[in-house]
Amino acid sequence: MAVDGTDQRALQYEQTLMYGRYTQELGVYAKEEAARLREDSRHRRSVSDRSPSLKLLEYEKGRCVKCRSKSTFIR
């Protein structure tokens, strides 16, 4: 079963089209996934930004706050 030149070229062209379609779909998927991850990280960051202030509250209410704020740049 010998494949002549036109059949071989047609097969190569079809493979090229399939590769192009795959590459395009992969690019679209990557953009959508990046947008989803950005949105997810924004939400996660906004929730985690609140928690450190609660943890640091005990250091702001201590009796050495005046000494520490005068000798450092914490204000």
PDB file of N, CA and C in Angstrom:
ATOM      1  N   MET A   1       0.836  -1.175   0.000  1.00  0.00           N
ATOM      2  CA  MET A   1       0.000   0.000   0.000  1.00  0.00           C
ATOM      3  C   MET A   1       0.882   1.240   0.000  1.00  0.00           C
ATOM      4  N   ALA A   2       1.121   1.747  -1.111  1.00  0.00           N
ATOM      5  CA  ALA A   2       1.941   2.936  -1.254  1.00  0.00           C
ATOM      6  C   ALA A   2       1.053   4.176  -1.243  1.00  0.00           C
ATOM      7  N   VAL A   3       1.490   5.156  -0.504  1.00  0.00           N
ATOM      8  CA  VAL A   3       0.758   6.417  -0.436  1.00  0.00           C
ATOM      9  C   VAL A   3       1.440   7.378  -1.393  1.00  0.00           C
ATOM     10  N   ASP A   4       0.670   7.905  -2.329  1.00  0.00           N
ATOM     11  CA  ASP A   4       1.294   8.823  -3.286  1.00  0.00           C
ATOM     12  C   ASP A   4       1.503  10.196  -2.651  1.00  0.00           C
ATOM     13  N   GLY A   5       2.139  11.093  -3.362  1.00  0.00           N
ATOM     14  CA  GLY A   5       2.551  12.393  -2.837  1.00  0.00           C
ATOM     15  C   GLY A   5       1.401  13.288  -2.423  1.00  0.00           C
ATOM     16  N   THR A   6       0.292  13.266  -3.164  1.00  0.00           N
ATOM     17  CA  THR A   6      -0.824  14.151  -2.822  1.00  0.00           C
ATOM     18  C   THR A   6      -1.491  13.728  -1.520  1.00  0.00           C
ATOM     19  N   ASP A   7      -1.618  12.412  -1.324  1.00  0.00           N
ATOM     20  CA  ASP A   7      -2.205  11.935  -0.072  1.00  0.00           C
ATOM     21  C   ASP A   7      -1.306  12.291   1.115  1.00  0.00           C
ATOM     22  N   GLN A   8      -0.012  12.171   0.923  1.00  0.00           N
ATOM     23  CA  GLN A   8       0.939  12.482   1.994  1.00  0.00           C
ATOM     24  C   GLN A   8       0.877  13.975   2.336  1.00  0.00           C
ATOM     25  N   ARG A   9       0.815  14.831   1.306  1.00  0.00           N
ATOM     26  CA  ARG A   9       0.739  16.273   1.554  1.00  0.00           C
ATOM     27  C   ARG A   9      -0.585  16.646   2.226  1.00  0.00           C
ATOM     28  N   ALA A  10      -1.663  15.989   1.819  1.00  0.00           N
ATOM     29  CA  ALA A  10      -2.963  16.259   2.430  1.00  0.00           C
ATOM     30  C   ALA A  10      -2.945  15.867   3.903  1.00  0.00           C
ATOM     31  N   LEU A  11      -2.309  14.763   4.201  1.00  0.00           N
ATOM     32  CA  LEU A  11      -2.212  14.316   5.586  1.00  0.00           C
ATOM     33  C   LEU A  11      -1.386  15.301   6.414  1.00  0.00           C
ATOM     34  N   GLN A  12      -0.289  15.778   5.857  1.00  0.00           N
ATOM     35  CA  GLN A  12       0.541  16.750   6.567  1.00  0.00           C
ATOM     36  C   GLN A  12      -0.216  18.057   6.789  1.00  0.00           C
ATOM     37  N   TYR A  13      -0.989  18.475   5.785  1.00  0.00           N
ATOM     38  CA  TYR A  13      -1.775  19.698   5.914  1.00  0.00           C
ATOM     39  C   TYR A  13      -2.821  19.540   7.014  1.00  0.00           C
ATOM     40  N   GLU A  14      -3.461  18.380   7.064  1.00  0.00           N
ATOM     41  CA  GLU A  14      -4.469  18.122   8.089  1.00  0.00           C
ATOM     42  C   GLU A  14      -3.833  18.125   9.478  1.00  0.00           C
ATOM     43  N   GLN A  15      -2.655  17.551   9.603  1.00  0.00           N
ATOM     44  CA  GLN A  15      -1.950  17.556  10.889  1.00  0.00           C
ATOM     45  C   GLN A  15      -1.591  18.983  11.304  1.00  0.00           C
ATOM     46  N   THR A  16      -1.193  19.798  10.326  1.00  0.00           N
ATOM     47  CA  THR A  16      -0.858  21.187  10.612  1.00  0.00           C
ATOM     48  C   THR A  16      -2.085  21.941  11.109  1.00  0.00           C
ATOM     49  N   LEU A  17      -3.227  21.717  10.456  1.00  0.00           N
ATOM     50  CA  LEU A  17      -4.460  22.368  10.890  1.00  0.00           C
ATOM     51  C   LEU A  17      -4.855  21.925  12.294  1.00  0.00           C
ATOM     52  N   MET A  18      -4.730  20.635  12.559  1.00  0.00           N
ATOM     53  CA  MET A  18      -5.085  20.118  13.881  1.00  0.00           C
ATOM     54  C   MET A  18      -4.163  20.692  14.951  1.00  0.00           C
ATOM     55  N   TYR A  19      -2.874  20.817  14.639  1.00  0.00           N
ATOM     56  CA  TYR A  19      -1.927  21.381  15.591  1.00  0.00           C
ATOM     57  C   TYR A  19      -2.259  22.849  15.852  1.00  0.00           C
ATOM     58  N   GLY A  20      -2.595  23.580  14.788  1.00  0.00           N
ATOM     59  CA  GLY A  20      -2.960  24.990  14.944  1.00  0.00           C
ATOM     60  C   GLY A  20      -4.201  25.158  15.797  1.00  0.00           C
ATOM     61  N   ARG A  21      -5.186  24.322  15.579  1.00  0.00           N
ATOM     62  CA  ARG A  21      -6.418  24.383  16.366  1.00  0.00           C
ATOM     63  C   ARG A  21      -6.123  24.056  17.831  1.00  0.00           C
ATOM     64  N   TYR A  22      -5.305  23.045  18.054  1.00  0.00           N
ATOM     65  CA  TYR A  22      -4.938  22.661  19.417  1.00  0.00           C
ATOM     66  C   TYR A  22      -4.198  23.803  20.109  1.00  0.00           C
ATOM     67  N   THR A  23      -3.277  24.429  19.404  1.00  0.00           N
ATOM     68  CA  THR A  23      -2.503  25.526  19.975  1.00  0.00           C
ATOM     69  C   THR A  23      -3.407  26.696  20.324  1.00  0.00           C
ATOM     70  N   GLN A  24      -4.353  26.989  19.457  1.00  0.00           N
ATOM     71  CA  GLN A  24      -5.286  28.076  19.697  1.00  0.00           C
ATOM     72  C   GLN A  24      -6.156  27.785  20.921  1.00  0.00           C
ATOM     73  N   GLU A  25      -6.686  26.584  21.004  1.00  0.00           N
ATOM     74  CA  GLU A  25      -7.529  26.214  22.141  1.00  0.00           C
ATOM     75  C   GLU A  25      -6.731  26.212  23.443  1.00  0.00           C
ATOM     76  N   LEU A  26      -5.485  25.797  23.358  1.00  0.00           N
ATOM     77  CA  LEU A  26      -4.636  25.797  24.544  1.00  0.00           C
ATOM     78  C   LEU A  26      -4.375  27.225  25.019  1.00  0.00           C
ATOM     79  N   GLY A  27      -4.175  28.145  24.082  1.00  0.00           N
ATOM     80  CA  GLY A  27      -3.976  29.545  24.441  1.00  0.00           C
ATOM     81  C   GLY A  27      -5.197  30.146  25.106  1.00  0.00           C
ATOM     82  N   VAL A  28      -6.372  29.848  24.571  1.00  0.00           N
ATOM     83  CA  VAL A  28      -7.618  30.344  25.165  1.00  0.00           C
ATOM     84  C   VAL A  28      -7.793  29.770  26.566  1.00  0.00           C
ATOM     85  N   TYR A  29      -7.534  28.491  26.711  1.00  0.00           N
ATOM     86  CA  TYR A  29      -7.656  27.849  28.024  1.00  0.00           C
ATOM     87  C   TYR A  29      -6.676  28.475  29.022  1.00  0.00           C
ATOM     88  N   ALA A  30      -5.456  28.741  28.583  1.00  0.00           N
ATOM     89  CA  ALA A  30      -4.453  29.323  29.478  1.00  0.00           C
ATOM     90  C   ALA A  30      -4.881  30.715  29.936  1.00  0.00           C
ATOM     91  N   LYS A  31      -5.448  31.512  29.032  1.00  0.00           N
ATOM     92  CA  LYS A  31      -5.909  32.849  29.404  1.00  0.00           C
ATOM     93  C   LYS A  31      -7.060  32.774  30.403  1.00  0.00           C
ATOM     94  N   GLU A  32      -8.003  31.866  30.163  1.00  0.00           N
ATOM     95  CA  GLU A  32      -9.131  31.717  31.083  1.00  0.00           C
ATOM     96  C   GLU A  32      -8.664  31.233  32.454  1.00  0.00           C
ATOM     97  N   GLU A  33      -7.733  30.312  32.460  1.00  0.00           N
ATOM     98  CA  GLU A  33      -7.218  29.779  33.723  1.00  0.00           C
ATOM     99  C   GLU A  33      -6.452  30.859  34.488  1.00  0.00           C
ATOM    100  N   ALA A  34      -5.672  31.677  33.782  1.00  0.00           N
ATOM    101  CA  ALA A  34      -4.935  32.758  34.434  1.00  0.00           C
ATOM    102  C   ALA A  34      -5.896  33.780  35.031  1.00  0.00           C
ATOM    103  N   ALA A  35      -6.963  34.101  34.310  1.00  0.00           N
ATOM    104  CA  ALA A  35      -7.955  35.039  34.836  1.00  0.00           C
ATOM    105  C   ALA A  35      -8.633  34.465  36.072  1.00  0.00           C
ATOM    106  N   ARG A  36      -8.939  33.178  36.042  1.00  0.00           N
ATOM    107  CA  ARG A  36      -9.576  32.543  37.191  1.00  0.00           C
ATOM    108  C   ARG A  36      -8.640  32.556  38.405  1.00  0.00           C
ATOM    109  N   LEU A  37      -7.369  32.272  38.175  1.00  0.00           N
ATOM    110  CA  LEU A  37      -6.409  32.267  39.276  1.00  0.00           C
ATOM    111  C   LEU A  37      -6.191  33.671  39.840  1.00  0.00           C
ATOM    112  N   ARG A  38      -6.168  34.679  38.957  1.00  0.00           N
ATOM    113  CA  ARG A  38      -6.030  36.060  39.433  1.00  0.00           C
ATOM    114  C   ARG A  38      -7.214  36.446  40.306  1.00  0.00           C
ATOM    115  N   GLU A  39      -8.405  36.119  39.849  1.00  0.00           N
ATOM    116  CA  GLU A  39      -9.610  36.437  40.613  1.00  0.00           C
ATOM    117  C   GLU A  39      -9.606  35.699  41.948  1.00  0.00           C
ATOM    118  N   ASP A  40      -9.199  34.458  41.930  1.00  0.00           N
ATOM    119  CA  ASP A  40      -9.146  33.664  43.155  1.00  0.00           C
ATOM    120  C   ASP A  40      -8.113  34.232  44.126  1.00  0.00           C
ATOM    121  N   SER A  41      -6.969  34.658  43.612  1.00  0.00           N
ATOM    122  CA  SER A  41      -5.934  35.193  44.495  1.00  0.00           C
ATOM    123  C   SER A  41      -6.346  36.546  45.064  1.00  0.00           C
ATOM    124  N   ARG A  42      -7.101  37.339  44.311  1.00  0.00           N
ATOM    125  CA  ARG A  42      -7.588  38.615  44.850  1.00  0.00           C
ATOM    126  C   ARG A  42      -8.520  38.365  46.021  1.00  0.00           C
ATOM    127  N   HIS A  43      -9.396  37.402  45.857  1.00  0.00           N
ATOM    128  CA  HIS A  43     -10.335  37.086  46.933  1.00  0.00           C
ATOM    129  C   HIS A  43      -9.584  36.551  48.147  1.00  0.00           C
ATOM    130  N   ARG A  44      -8.655  35.670  47.913  1.00  0.00           N
ATOM    131  CA  ARG A  44      -7.891  35.075  49.005  1.00  0.00           C
ATOM    132  C   ARG A  44      -7.048  36.136  49.700  1.00  0.00           C
ATOM    133  N   ARG A  45      -6.467  37.061  48.932  1.00  0.00           N
ATOM    134  CA  ARG A  45      -5.627  38.099  49.502  1.00  0.00           C
ATOM    135  C   ARG A  45      -6.464  39.039  50.368  1.00  0.00           C
ATOM    136  N   SER A  46      -7.667  39.388  49.928  1.00  0.00           N
ATOM    137  CA  SER A  46      -8.486  40.313  50.704  1.00  0.00           C
ATOM    138  C   SER A  46      -8.906  39.696  52.036  1.00  0.00           C
ATOM    139  N   VAL A  47      -9.120  38.412  52.073  1.00  0.00           N
ATOM    140  CA  VAL A  47      -9.470  37.743  53.324  1.00  0.00           C
ATOM    141  C   VAL A  47      -8.248  37.654  54.229  1.00  0.00           C
ATOM    142  N   SER A  48      -7.096  37.348  53.677  1.00  0.00           N
ATOM    143  CA  SER A  48      -5.900  37.191  54.500  1.00  0.00           C
ATOM    144  C   SER A  48      -5.330  38.529  54.959  1.00  0.00           C
ATOM    145  N   ASP A  49      -5.678  39.636  54.299  1.00  0.00           N
ATOM    146  CA  ASP A  49      -5.196  40.943  54.733  1.00  0.00           C
ATOM    147  C   ASP A  49      -5.793  41.347  56.075  1.00  0.00           C
ATOM    148  N   ARG A  50      -6.962  40.864  56.372  1.00  0.00           N
ATOM    149  CA  ARG A  50      -7.613  41.228  57.624  1.00  0.00           C
ATOM    150  C   ARG A  50      -7.009  40.499  58.819  1.00  0.00           C
ATOM    151  N   SER A  51      -6.599  39.278  58.642  1.00  0.00           N
ATOM    152  CA  SER A  51      -6.147  38.475  59.770  1.00  0.00           C
ATOM    153  C   SER A  51      -4.841  38.959  60.404  1.00  0.00           C
ATOM    154  N   PRO A  52      -3.838  39.441  59.671  1.00  0.00           N
ATOM    155  CA  PRO A  52      -2.626  39.902  60.358  1.00  0.00           C
ATOM    156  C   PRO A  52      -2.875  41.082  61.289  1.00  0.00           C
ATOM    157  N   SER A  53      -3.816  41.956  60.950  1.00  0.00           N
ATOM    158  CA  SER A  53      -4.069  43.091  61.828  1.00  0.00           C
ATOM    159  C   SER A  53      -4.609  42.626  63.177  1.00  0.00           C
ATOM    160  N   LEU A  54      -5.395  41.559  63.176  1.00  0.00           N
ATOM    161  CA  LEU A  54      -5.890  41.020  64.440  1.00  0.00           C
ATOM    162  C   LEU A  54      -4.761  40.384  65.239  1.00  0.00           C
ATOM    163  N   LYS A  55      -3.833  39.737  64.548  1.00  0.00           N
ATOM    164  CA  LYS A  55      -2.713  39.111  65.243  1.00  0.00           C
ATOM    165  C   LYS A  55      -1.769  40.152  65.836  1.00  0.00           C
ATOM    166  N   LEU A  56      -1.618  41.282  65.152  1.00  0.00           N
ATOM    167  CA  LEU A  56      -0.694  42.313  65.613  1.00  0.00           C
ATOM    168  C   LEU A  56      -1.324  43.272  66.611  1.00  0.00           C
ATOM    169  N   LEU A  57      -2.595  43.135  66.850  1.00  0.00           N
ATOM    170  CA  LEU A  57      -3.293  44.037  67.756  1.00  0.00           C
ATOM    171  C   LEU A  57      -2.704  43.985  69.163  1.00  0.00           C
ATOM    172  N   GLU A  58      -2.289  42.822  69.620  1.00  0.00           N
ATOM    173  CA  GLU A  58      -1.730  42.701  70.966  1.00  0.00           C
ATOM    174  C   GLU A  58      -0.429  43.488  71.107  1.00  0.00           C
ATOM    175  N   TYR A  59       0.313  43.683  70.023  1.00  0.00           N
ATOM    176  CA  TYR A  59       1.558  44.443  70.090  1.00  0.00           C
ATOM    177  C   TYR A  59       1.304  45.946  70.075  1.00  0.00           C
ATOM    178  N   GLU A  60       0.162  46.358  69.599  1.00  0.00           N
ATOM    179  CA  GLU A  60      -0.160  47.780  69.553  1.00  0.00           C
ATOM    180  C   GLU A  60      -0.740  48.274  70.870  1.00  0.00           C
ATOM    181  N   LYS A  61      -1.194  47.372  71.715  1.00  0.00           N
ATOM    182  CA  LYS A  61      -1.850  47.753  72.957  1.00  0.00           C
ATOM    183  C   LYS A  61      -0.954  47.574  74.182  1.00  0.00           C
ATOM    184  N   GLY A  62       0.282  47.161  73.982  1.00  0.00           N
ATOM    185  CA  GLY A  62       1.165  46.905  75.119  1.00  0.00           C
ATOM    186  C   GLY A  62       1.644  48.184  75.788  1.00  0.00           C
ATOM    187  N   ARG A  63       2.308  48.044  76.943  1.00  0.00           N
ATOM    188  CA  ARG A  63       2.767  49.215  77.683  1.00  0.00           C
ATOM    189  C   ARG A  63       4.074  49.776  77.126  1.00  0.00           C
ATOM    190  N   CYS A  64       4.734  49.032  76.228  1.00  0.00           N
ATOM    191  CA  CYS A  64       5.996  49.494  75.656  1.00  0.00           C
ATOM    192  C   CYS A  64       5.817  50.124  74.273  1.00  0.00           C
ATOM    193  N   VAL A  65       4.615  50.446  73.915  1.00  0.00           N
ATOM    194  CA  VAL A  65       4.367  50.978  72.577  1.00  0.00           C
ATOM    195  C   VAL A  65       5.059  52.318  72.389  1.00  0.00           C
ATOM    196  N   LYS A  66       5.024  53.174  73.400  1.00  0.00           N
ATOM    197  CA  LYS A  66       5.645  54.489  73.278  1.00  0.00           C
ATOM    198  C   LYS A  66       7.155  54.356  73.076  1.00  0.00           C
ATOM    199  N   CYS A  67       7.787  53.474  73.844  1.00  0.00           N
ATOM    200  CA  CYS A  67       9.232  53.270  73.717  1.00  0.00           C
ATOM    201  C   CYS A  67       9.582  52.727  72.343  1.00  0.00           C
ATOM    202  N   ARG A  68       8.819  51.769  71.902  1.00  0.00           N
ATOM    203  CA  ARG A  68       9.105  51.120  70.632  1.00  0.00           C
ATOM    204  C   ARG A  68       8.875  52.084  69.469  1.00  0.00           C
ATOM    205  N   SER A  69       7.844  52.898  69.541  1.00  0.00           N
ATOM    206  CA  SER A  69       7.559  53.793  68.427  1.00  0.00           C
ATOM    207  C   SER A  69       8.550  54.949  68.373  1.00  0.00           C
ATOM    208  N   LYS A  70       9.135  55.335  69.500  1.00  0.00           N
ATOM    209  CA  LYS A  70      10.135  56.398  69.484  1.00  0.00           C
ATOM    210  C   LYS A  70      11.466  55.910  68.929  1.00  0.00           C
ATOM    211  N   SER A  71      11.803  54.661  69.207  1.00  0.00           N
ATOM    212  CA  SER A  71      13.108  54.162  68.796  1.00  0.00           C
ATOM    213  C   SER A  71      13.089  53.453  67.448  1.00  0.00           C
ATOM    214  N   THR A  72      11.935  53.243  66.888  1.00  0.00           N
ATOM    215  CA  THR A  72      11.849  52.594  65.578  1.00  0.00           C
ATOM    216  C   THR A  72      10.981  53.433  64.653  1.00  0.00           C
ATOM    217  N   PHE A  73      10.801  52.949  63.461  1.00  0.00           N
ATOM    218  CA  PHE A  73       9.979  53.663  62.492  1.00  0.00           C
ATOM    219  C   PHE A  73       8.540  53.170  62.486  1.00  0.00           C
ATOM    220  N   ILE A  74       8.132  52.440  63.500  1.00  0.00           N
ATOM    221  CA  ILE A  74       6.769  51.918  63.570  1.00  0.00           C
ATOM    222  C   ILE A  74       5.843  53.031  64.041  1.00  0.00           C
ATOM    223  N   ARG A  75       4.894  53.373  63.248  1.00  0.00           N
ATOM    224  CA  ARG A  75       3.931  54.419  63.635  1.00  0.00           C
ATOM    225  C   ARG A  75       2.597  54.110  63.106  1.00  0.00           C
TER     226      ARG A  75
END
